Amino acid sequence: MSQADLLDQDPVFQLKGSMLAITILELAHNDLERLDRQLADKVAQAPNFFQNIPLVLALDKLPEGEGSLDLVKLMELCRTHGLRTLAIRANREDDIAAANALDLPVLPPSGAREKLVEPVEARKKAEKPEKPAEPAVKPTKIVTTPVRGGQQIYAQGGDLVVLAPVSAGAELLADGNIHVYGPMRGRALAGVKGNASARIFCQQMGAEMLSVAGQYKTAEDLRRDPLWGQSIQVSLSGDVLNITRL
């Protein structure tokens, strides 16, 4: 056997079965203008869903007495909305003849009950949103001993209260407010997870840095403030850090 004969026997295709996801548009009325409007509304709900969707046009549920269907116009209408017709399902002779003229496969009428399909985006809009989980609030963290340089204290999920001096080089962090009832010479960062309503309270401001929800002032700025060394509170207004007297 020659090499050409061997090559000719080498298969160039395989037939395989597959369960493909195909959308069925079941037409209830022969009213293309109304269909156009309603499809436009559906596409507006979920534009990403309607992109080159393989479609079977189901015409076997059309009621009698609504006249013959313009299949070409129907397919063009579907195509403008991102639906590409692969076949039709029909039982009327006129519809079958129109499909044959277009060389379009004709499927037999369905006796099965299809499941209604809604795009994911549309379902999400229709469904009632779940109530967000309440944030876990932890008890206030209280520190009664001096905070030395190099120490870091973090109050996760709540406020931090320090009843002693905070040395330079120390760092206080809290998801909520920070209270320092003594000289404050280190760094204090309140609302570290973005809580813009958090505040810092200092009995004697001499901090290296004060910050609320990521907005901060360093010692260079703080020393120029007339309230340096005094009892103050720090709050956030927009992206401006405000320092006021207690």
C-alpha atoms as a PDB file:
ATOM      1  CA  MET A   1       0.000   0.000   0.000  1.00  0.00           C
ATOM      2  CA  SER A   2       1.375   3.369  -1.004  1.00  0.00           C
ATOM      3  CA  GLN A   3       1.892   6.273   1.330  1.00  0.00           C
ATOM      4  CA  ALA A   4      -0.940   8.117  -0.446  1.00  0.00           C
ATOM      5  CA  ASP A   5      -3.313   5.207   0.286  1.00  0.00           C
ATOM      6  CA  LEU A   6      -2.308   5.185   3.952  1.00  0.00           C
ATOM      7  CA  LEU A   7      -2.847   8.931   4.189  1.00  0.00           C
ATOM      8  CA  ASP A   8      -6.266   8.596   2.548  1.00  0.00           C
ATOM      9  CA  GLN A   9      -7.344   6.126   5.243  1.00  0.00           C
ATOM     10  CA  ASP A  10      -6.315   8.457   8.062  1.00  0.00           C
ATOM     11  CA  PRO A  11      -9.631   9.889   9.415  1.00  0.00           C
ATOM     12  CA  VAL A  12     -10.015  13.653   9.191  1.00  0.00           C
ATOM     13  CA  PHE A  13     -13.112  13.904  11.424  1.00  0.00           C
ATOM     14  CA  GLN A  14     -14.977  12.335  14.312  1.00  0.00           C
ATOM     15  CA  LEU A  15     -18.669  12.435  15.175  1.00  0.00           C
ATOM     16  CA  LYS A  16     -19.249  13.070  18.846  1.00  0.00           C
ATOM     17  CA  GLY A  17     -22.349  13.591  20.932  1.00  0.00           C
ATOM     18  CA  SER A  18     -22.549  16.726  23.052  1.00  0.00           C
ATOM     19  CA  MET A  19     -24.980  18.386  25.434  1.00  0.00           C
ATOM     20  CA  LEU A  20     -24.791  22.026  24.370  1.00  0.00           C
ATOM     21  CA  ALA A  21     -26.523  24.908  26.146  1.00  0.00           C
ATOM     22  CA  ILE A  22     -28.948  26.321  23.566  1.00  0.00           C
ATOM     23  CA  THR A  23     -31.560  28.946  24.332  1.00  0.00           C
ATOM     24  CA  ILE A  24     -35.103  28.385  23.080  1.00  0.00           C
ATOM     25  CA  LEU A  25     -37.195  31.427  22.210  1.00  0.00           C
ATOM     26  CA  GLU A  26     -40.778  30.232  22.386  1.00  0.00           C
ATOM     27  CA  LEU A  27     -42.976  32.641  20.450  1.00  0.00           C
ATOM     28  CA  ALA A  28     -46.424  33.133  21.983  1.00  0.00           C
ATOM     29  CA  HIS A  29     -47.762  35.649  19.444  1.00  0.00           C
ATOM     30  CA  ASN A  30     -47.036  36.679  15.867  1.00  0.00           C
ATOM     31  CA  ASP A  31     -46.279  40.280  16.796  1.00  0.00           C
ATOM     32  CA  LEU A  32     -42.746  41.209  15.761  1.00  0.00           C
ATOM     33  CA  GLU A  33     -42.995  44.865  16.789  1.00  0.00           C
ATOM     34  CA  ARG A  34     -43.905  43.923  20.335  1.00  0.00           C
ATOM     35  CA  LEU A  35     -41.236  41.222  20.325  1.00  0.00           C
ATOM     36  CA  ASP A  36     -38.640  43.799  19.282  1.00  0.00           C
ATOM     37  CA  ARG A  37     -39.536  46.097  22.187  1.00  0.00           C
ATOM     38  CA  GLN A  38     -39.630  43.313  24.751  1.00  0.00           C
ATOM     39  CA  LEU A  39     -36.322  41.838  23.587  1.00  0.00           C
ATOM     40  CA  ALA A  40     -34.735  45.291  23.826  1.00  0.00           C
ATOM     41  CA  ASP A  41     -35.917  45.531  27.440  1.00  0.00           C
ATOM     42  CA  LYS A  42     -34.511  42.075  28.200  1.00  0.00           C
ATOM     43  CA  VAL A  43     -31.144  42.915  26.635  1.00  0.00           C
ATOM     44  CA  ALA A  44     -30.964  46.143  28.682  1.00  0.00           C
ATOM     45  CA  GLN A  45     -31.234  44.048  31.860  1.00  0.00           C
ATOM     46  CA  ALA A  46     -28.284  41.830  30.960  1.00  0.00           C
ATOM     47  CA  PRO A  47     -26.321  43.076  27.932  1.00  0.00           C
ATOM     48  CA  ASN A  48     -23.424  40.666  28.475  1.00  0.00           C
ATOM     49  CA  PHE A  49     -25.742  37.675  28.280  1.00  0.00           C
ATOM     50  CA  PHE A  50     -27.052  38.554  24.819  1.00  0.00           C
ATOM     51  CA  GLN A  51     -23.895  38.153  22.765  1.00  0.00           C
ATOM     52  CA  ASN A  52     -24.050  35.597  19.930  1.00  0.00           C
ATOM     53  CA  ILE A  53     -26.414  33.267  21.800  1.00  0.00           C
ATOM     54  CA  PRO A  54     -27.225  30.060  19.847  1.00  0.00           C
ATOM     55  CA  LEU A  55     -30.991  30.001  19.508  1.00  0.00           C
ATOM     56  CA  VAL A  56     -33.828  27.671  18.569  1.00  0.00           C
ATOM     57  CA  LEU A  57     -36.957  29.517  17.477  1.00  0.00           C
ATOM     58  CA  ALA A  58     -39.947  27.599  18.835  1.00  0.00           C
ATOM     59  CA  LEU A  59     -42.951  28.370  16.647  1.00  0.00           C
ATOM     60  CA  ASP A  60     -45.079  25.359  17.579  1.00  0.00           C
ATOM     61  CA  LYS A  61     -46.953  27.266  20.328  1.00  0.00           C
ATOM     62  CA  LEU A  62     -48.185  30.065  18.067  1.00  0.00           C
ATOM     63  CA  PRO A  63     -51.989  30.322  18.230  1.00  0.00           C
ATOM     64  CA  GLU A  64     -54.084  29.805  15.126  1.00  0.00           C
ATOM     65  CA  GLY A  65     -55.600  32.837  13.462  1.00  0.00           C
ATOM     66  CA  GLU A  66     -52.631  35.239  13.789  1.00  0.00           C
ATOM     67  CA  GLY A  67     -51.553  34.948  10.167  1.00  0.00           C
ATOM     68  CA  SER A  68     -48.380  33.599   8.571  1.00  0.00           C
ATOM     69  CA  LEU A  69     -45.048  34.392  10.157  1.00  0.00           C
ATOM     70  CA  ASP A  70     -42.269  36.258   8.325  1.00  0.00           C
ATOM     71  CA  LEU A  71     -39.411  33.946   9.342  1.00  0.00           C
ATOM     72  CA  VAL A  72     -36.686  35.973   7.605  1.00  0.00           C
ATOM     73  CA  LYS A  73     -37.756  39.145   9.399  1.00  0.00           C
ATOM     74  CA  LEU A  74     -37.994  37.273  12.698  1.00  0.00           C
ATOM     75  CA  MET A  75     -34.437  35.924  12.362  1.00  0.00           C
ATOM     76  CA  GLU A  76     -33.104  39.375  11.429  1.00  0.00           C
ATOM     77  CA  LEU A  77     -34.823  40.858  14.470  1.00  0.00           C
ATOM     78  CA  CYS A  78     -33.293  38.235  16.746  1.00  0.00           C
ATOM     79  CA  ARG A  79     -29.862  38.785  15.246  1.00  0.00           C
ATOM     80  CA  THR A  80     -30.002  42.533  16.005  1.00  0.00           C
ATOM     81  CA  HIS A  81     -30.382  41.589  19.681  1.00  0.00           C
ATOM     82  CA  GLY A  82     -27.478  39.116  19.688  1.00  0.00           C
ATOM     83  CA  LEU A  83     -29.494  35.918  19.093  1.00  0.00           C
ATOM     84  CA  ARG A  84     -28.265  33.649  16.286  1.00  0.00           C
ATOM     85  CA  THR A  85     -30.856  31.189  15.001  1.00  0.00           C
ATOM     86  CA  LEU A  86     -29.572  27.619  14.555  1.00  0.00           C
ATOM     87  CA  ALA A  87     -32.889  25.878  13.944  1.00  0.00           C
ATOM     88  CA  ILE A  88     -36.621  26.202  14.360  1.00  0.00           C
ATOM     89  CA  ARG A  89     -39.157  24.030  16.115  1.00  0.00           C
ATOM     90  CA  ALA A  90     -42.389  24.011  14.197  1.00  0.00           C
ATOM     91  CA  ASN A  91     -45.522  22.077  13.299  1.00  0.00           C
ATOM     92  CA  ARG A  92     -47.210  24.394  10.778  1.00  0.00           C
ATOM     93  CA  GLU A  93     -46.539  23.642   7.118  1.00  0.00           C
ATOM     94  CA  ASP A  94     -45.896  27.291   6.212  1.00  0.00           C
ATOM     95  CA  ASP A  95     -43.203  27.642   8.887  1.00  0.00           C
ATOM     96  CA  ILE A  96     -41.532  24.380   7.886  1.00  0.00           C
ATOM     97  CA  ALA A  97     -41.529  25.387   4.211  1.00  0.00           C
ATOM     98  CA  ALA A  98     -40.012  28.781   5.070  1.00  0.00           C
ATOM     99  CA  ALA A  99     -37.245  27.069   7.091  1.00  0.00           C
ATOM    100  CA  ASN A 100     -36.520  24.607   4.273  1.00  0.00           C
ATOM    101  CA  ALA A 101     -36.198  27.518   1.842  1.00  0.00           C
ATOM    102  CA  LEU A 102     -33.566  29.021   4.135  1.00  0.00           C
ATOM    103  CA  ASP A 103     -31.838  25.623   4.557  1.00  0.00           C
ATOM    104  CA  LEU A 104     -32.587  25.908   8.276  1.00  0.00           C
ATOM    105  CA  PRO A 105     -32.951  22.686  10.333  1.00  0.00           C
ATOM    106  CA  VAL A 106     -36.472  21.931  11.568  1.00  0.00           C
ATOM    107  CA  LEU A 107     -36.943  20.209  14.910  1.00  0.00           C
ATOM    108  CA  PRO A 108     -40.132  18.360  15.828  1.00  0.00           C
ATOM    109  CA  PRO A 109     -42.589  19.953  18.285  1.00  0.00           C
ATOM    110  CA  SER A 110     -41.606  19.451  21.900  1.00  0.00           C
ATOM    111  CA  GLY A 111     -43.752  17.468  24.265  1.00  0.00           C
ATOM    112  CA  ALA A 112     -41.383  18.195  27.131  1.00  0.00           C
ATOM    113  CA  ARG A 113     -41.644  21.130  29.467  1.00  0.00           C
ATOM    114  CA  GLU A 114     -38.685  23.475  29.118  1.00  0.00           C
ATOM    115  CA  LYS A 115     -37.287  25.339  32.067  1.00  0.00           C
ATOM    116  CA  LEU A 116     -37.623  29.107  31.916  1.00  0.00           C
ATOM    117  CA  VAL A 117     -34.201  30.750  31.660  1.00  0.00           C
ATOM    118  CA  GLU A 118     -33.302  34.232  32.893  1.00  0.00           C
ATOM    119  CA  PRO A 119     -29.868  35.824  32.450  1.00  0.00           C
ATOM    120  CA  VAL A 120     -27.784  35.876  35.614  1.00  0.00           C
ATOM    121  CA  GLU A 121     -27.719  39.680  35.719  1.00  0.00           C
ATOM    122  CA  ALA A 122     -31.508  39.873  35.386  1.00  0.00           C
ATOM    123  CA  ARG A 123     -32.020  37.307  38.144  1.00  0.00           C
ATOM    124  CA  LYS A 124     -29.775  39.260  40.468  1.00  0.00           C
ATOM    125  CA  LYS A 125     -31.805  42.416  39.879  1.00  0.00           C
ATOM    126  CA  ALA A 126     -35.086  40.589  40.465  1.00  0.00           C
ATOM    127  CA  GLU A 127     -33.963  38.817  43.607  1.00  0.00           C
ATOM    128  CA  LYS A 128     -34.259  40.628  46.913  1.00  0.00           C
ATOM    129  CA  PRO A 129     -30.756  41.497  48.079  1.00  0.00           C
ATOM    130  CA  GLU A 130     -29.642  39.750  51.200  1.00  0.00           C
ATOM    131  CA  LYS A 131     -29.250  41.842  54.304  1.00  0.00           C
ATOM    132  CA  PRO A 132     -25.543  42.404  54.864  1.00  0.00           C
ATOM    133  CA  ALA A 133     -24.110  40.755  57.918  1.00  0.00           C
ATOM    134  CA  GLU A 134     -23.747  43.009  60.918  1.00  0.00           C
ATOM    135  CA  PRO A 135     -20.091  43.891  61.541  1.00  0.00           C
ATOM    136  CA  ALA A 136     -18.567  42.145  64.511  1.00  0.00           C
ATOM    137  CA  VAL A 137     -17.982  44.733  67.243  1.00  0.00           C
ATOM    138  CA  LYS A 138     -15.368  43.772  69.789  1.00  0.00           C
ATOM    139  CA  PRO A 139     -15.017  45.167  73.303  1.00  0.00           C
ATOM    140  CA  THR A 140     -12.905  48.247  73.888  1.00  0.00           C
ATOM    141  CA  LYS A 141      -9.245  47.406  74.449  1.00  0.00           C
ATOM    142  CA  ILE A 142      -7.874  49.093  77.581  1.00  0.00           C
ATOM    143  CA  VAL A 143      -4.145  49.505  78.277  1.00  0.00           C
ATOM    144  CA  THR A 144      -3.133  50.602  81.782  1.00  0.00           C
ATOM    145  CA  THR A 145       0.672  50.455  81.521  1.00  0.00           C
ATOM    146  CA  PRO A 146       3.019  52.811  79.625  1.00  0.00           C
ATOM    147  CA  VAL A 147       3.500  52.020  75.945  1.00  0.00           C
ATOM    148  CA  ARG A 148       7.222  51.943  75.205  1.00  0.00           C
ATOM    149  CA  GLY A 149       9.045  52.821  71.991  1.00  0.00           C
ATOM    150  CA  GLY A 150       8.908  49.959  69.481  1.00  0.00           C
ATOM    151  CA  GLN A 151       5.641  48.581  70.896  1.00  0.00           C
ATOM    152  CA  GLN A 152       2.569  48.273  68.669  1.00  0.00           C
ATOM    153  CA  ILE A 153      -0.942  47.869  70.096  1.00  0.00           C
ATOM    154  CA  TYR A 154      -3.915  47.145  67.854  1.00  0.00           C
ATOM    155  CA  ALA A 155      -7.580  47.198  68.868  1.00  0.00           C
ATOM    156  CA  GLN A 156      -9.251  45.080  66.195  1.00  0.00           C
ATOM    157  CA  GLY A 157     -12.947  45.749  65.635  1.00  0.00           C
ATOM    158  CA  GLY A 158     -13.243  48.365  68.388  1.00  0.00           C
ATOM    159  CA  ASP A 159     -11.765  51.281  70.329  1.00  0.00           C
ATOM    160  CA  LEU A 160      -8.417  51.570  72.084  1.00  0.00           C
ATOM    161  CA  VAL A 161      -8.067  53.336  75.440  1.00  0.00           C
ATOM    162  CA  VAL A 162      -4.606  53.988  76.895  1.00  0.00           C
ATOM    163  CA  LEU A 163      -4.478  55.138  80.536  1.00  0.00           C
ATOM    164  CA  ALA A 164      -0.729  55.786  80.530  1.00  0.00           C
ATOM    165  CA  PRO A 165       1.945  57.693  78.571  1.00  0.00           C
ATOM    166  CA  VAL A 166       2.791  56.655  75.000  1.00  0.00           C
ATOM    167  CA  SER A 167       6.484  57.043  74.197  1.00  0.00           C
ATOM    168  CA  ALA A 168       8.061  58.126  70.918  1.00  0.00           C
ATOM    169  CA  GLY A 169       8.445  55.158  68.566  1.00  0.00           C
ATOM    170  CA  ALA A 170       5.308  53.432  69.907  1.00  0.00           C
ATOM    171  CA  GLU A 171       2.336  52.827  67.629  1.00  0.00           C
ATOM    172  CA  LEU A 172      -1.368  52.680  68.481  1.00  0.00           C
ATOM    173  CA  LEU A 173      -3.840  51.290  65.949  1.00  0.00           C
ATOM    174  CA  ALA A 174      -7.606  50.808  66.184  1.00  0.00           C
ATOM    175  CA  ASP A 175     -10.493  50.051  63.857  1.00  0.00           C
ATOM    176  CA  GLY A 176     -12.489  52.509  65.969  1.00  0.00           C
ATOM    177  CA  ASN A 177     -11.479  55.456  68.173  1.00  0.00           C
ATOM    178  CA  ILE A 178      -8.257  55.970  70.116  1.00  0.00           C
ATOM    179  CA  HIS A 179      -8.204  57.610  73.572  1.00  0.00           C
ATOM    180  CA  VAL A 180      -4.904  58.501  75.250  1.00  0.00           C
ATOM    181  CA  TYR A 181      -5.223  59.786  78.832  1.00  0.00           C
ATOM    182  CA  GLY A 182      -1.595  60.813  79.156  1.00  0.00           C
ATOM    183  CA  PRO A 183       1.223  62.326  77.062  1.00  0.00           C
ATOM    184  CA  MET A 184       1.005  61.097  73.451  1.00  0.00           C
ATOM    185  CA  ARG A 185       4.427  61.072  71.765  1.00  0.00           C
ATOM    186  CA  GLY A 186       4.153  58.095  69.423  1.00  0.00           C
ATOM    187  CA  ARG A 187       1.928  57.391  66.428  1.00  0.00           C
ATOM    188  CA  ALA A 188      -1.867  56.968  66.621  1.00  0.00           C
ATOM    189  CA  LEU A 189      -3.856  55.568  63.686  1.00  0.00           C
ATOM    190  CA  ALA A 190      -7.642  55.351  64.159  1.00  0.00           C
ATOM    191  CA  GLY A 191     -10.154  53.861  61.707  1.00  0.00           C
ATOM    192  CA  VAL A 192      -7.410  51.813  60.066  1.00  0.00           C
ATOM    193  CA  LYS A 193      -9.938  49.807  58.002  1.00  0.00           C
ATOM    194  CA  GLY A 194     -11.524  52.927  56.558  1.00  0.00           C
ATOM    195  CA  ASN A 195     -13.877  54.093  59.317  1.00  0.00           C
ATOM    196  CA  ALA A 196     -13.988  57.811  58.525  1.00  0.00           C
ATOM    197  CA  SER A 197     -16.090  58.573  61.611  1.00  0.00           C
ATOM    198  CA  ALA A 198     -13.349  57.374  63.988  1.00  0.00           C
ATOM    199  CA  ARG A 199     -11.617  59.931  66.226  1.00  0.00           C
ATOM    200  CA  ILE A 200      -8.455  60.361  68.276  1.00  0.00           C
ATOM    201  CA  PHE A 201      -8.536  61.904  71.732  1.00  0.00           C
ATOM    202  CA  CYS A 202      -5.276  62.984  73.387  1.00  0.00           C
ATOM    203  CA  GLN A 203      -4.791  64.550  76.812  1.00  0.00           C
ATOM    204  CA  GLN A 204      -1.442  65.998  75.747  1.00  0.00           C
ATOM    205  CA  MET A 205      -0.595  66.062  72.023  1.00  0.00           C
ATOM    206  CA  GLY A 206       3.064  65.558  71.166  1.00  0.00           C
ATOM    207  CA  ALA A 207       2.600  62.846  68.545  1.00  0.00           C
ATOM    208  CA  GLU A 208       4.913  61.754  65.760  1.00  0.00           C
ATOM    209  CA  MET A 209       1.873  61.099  63.577  1.00  0.00           C
ATOM    210  CA  LEU A 210      -1.923  61.203  63.871  1.00  0.00           C
ATOM    211  CA  SER A 211      -4.113  59.460  61.293  1.00  0.00           C
ATOM    212  CA  VAL A 212      -7.820  58.779  60.730  1.00  0.00           C
ATOM    213  CA  ALA A 213      -8.918  56.408  57.937  1.00  0.00           C
ATOM    214  CA  GLY A 214      -5.632  56.882  56.073  1.00  0.00           C
ATOM    215  CA  GLN A 215      -5.510  60.694  56.239  1.00  0.00           C
ATOM    216  CA  TYR A 216      -2.604  61.807  58.429  1.00  0.00           C
ATOM    217  CA  LYS A 217      -0.438  64.602  59.775  1.00  0.00           C
ATOM    218  CA  THR A 218       3.151  64.123  60.885  1.00  0.00           C
ATOM    219  CA  ALA A 219       5.045  65.811  63.716  1.00  0.00           C
ATOM    220  CA  GLU A 220       6.330  68.441  61.294  1.00  0.00           C
ATOM    221  CA  ASP A 221       2.761  69.624  60.674  1.00  0.00           C
ATOM    222  CA  LEU A 222       1.535  68.995  64.212  1.00  0.00           C
ATOM    223  CA  ARG A 223       4.226  71.127  65.868  1.00  0.00           C
ATOM    224  CA  ARG A 224       3.023  74.161  63.908  1.00  0.00           C
ATOM    225  CA  ASP A 225      -0.486  73.701  65.286  1.00  0.00           C
ATOM    226  CA  PRO A 226      -1.319  76.119  68.152  1.00  0.00           C
ATOM    227  CA  LEU A 227      -2.811  73.162  70.059  1.00  0.00           C
ATOM    228  CA  TRP A 228       0.537  71.295  70.219  1.00  0.00           C
ATOM    229  CA  GLY A 229       1.008  69.964  73.753  1.00  0.00           C
ATOM    230  CA  GLN A 230      -2.629  70.507  74.671  1.00  0.00           C
ATOM    231  CA  SER A 231      -5.736  68.351  75.080  1.00  0.00           C
ATOM    232  CA  ILE A 232      -7.218  67.739  71.638  1.00  0.00           C
ATOM    233  CA  GLN A 233      -9.478  65.606  69.484  1.00  0.00           C
ATOM    234  CA  VAL A 234      -8.843  64.655  65.857  1.00  0.00           C
ATOM    235  CA  SER A 235     -11.643  64.029  63.342  1.00  0.00           C
ATOM    236  CA  LEU A 236     -11.976  63.666  59.589  1.00  0.00           C
ATOM    237  CA  SER A 237     -14.036  65.914  57.332  1.00  0.00           C
ATOM    238  CA  GLY A 238     -13.861  64.665  53.746  1.00  0.00           C
ATOM    239  CA  ASP A 239     -10.112  64.199  53.316  1.00  0.00           C
ATOM    240  CA  VAL A 240      -9.144  66.959  55.771  1.00  0.00           C
ATOM    241  CA  LEU A 241      -7.860  66.083  59.236  1.00  0.00           C
ATOM    242  CA  ASN A 242      -9.254  68.504  61.807  1.00  0.00           C
ATOM    243  CA  ILE A 243      -7.601  69.108  65.204  1.00  0.00           C
ATOM    244  CA  THR A 244      -9.747  70.867  67.790  1.00  0.00           C
ATOM    245  CA  ARG A 245      -9.492  71.593  71.496  1.00  0.00           C
ATOM    246  CA  LEU A 246     -11.187  69.228  73.936  1.00  0.00           C
END
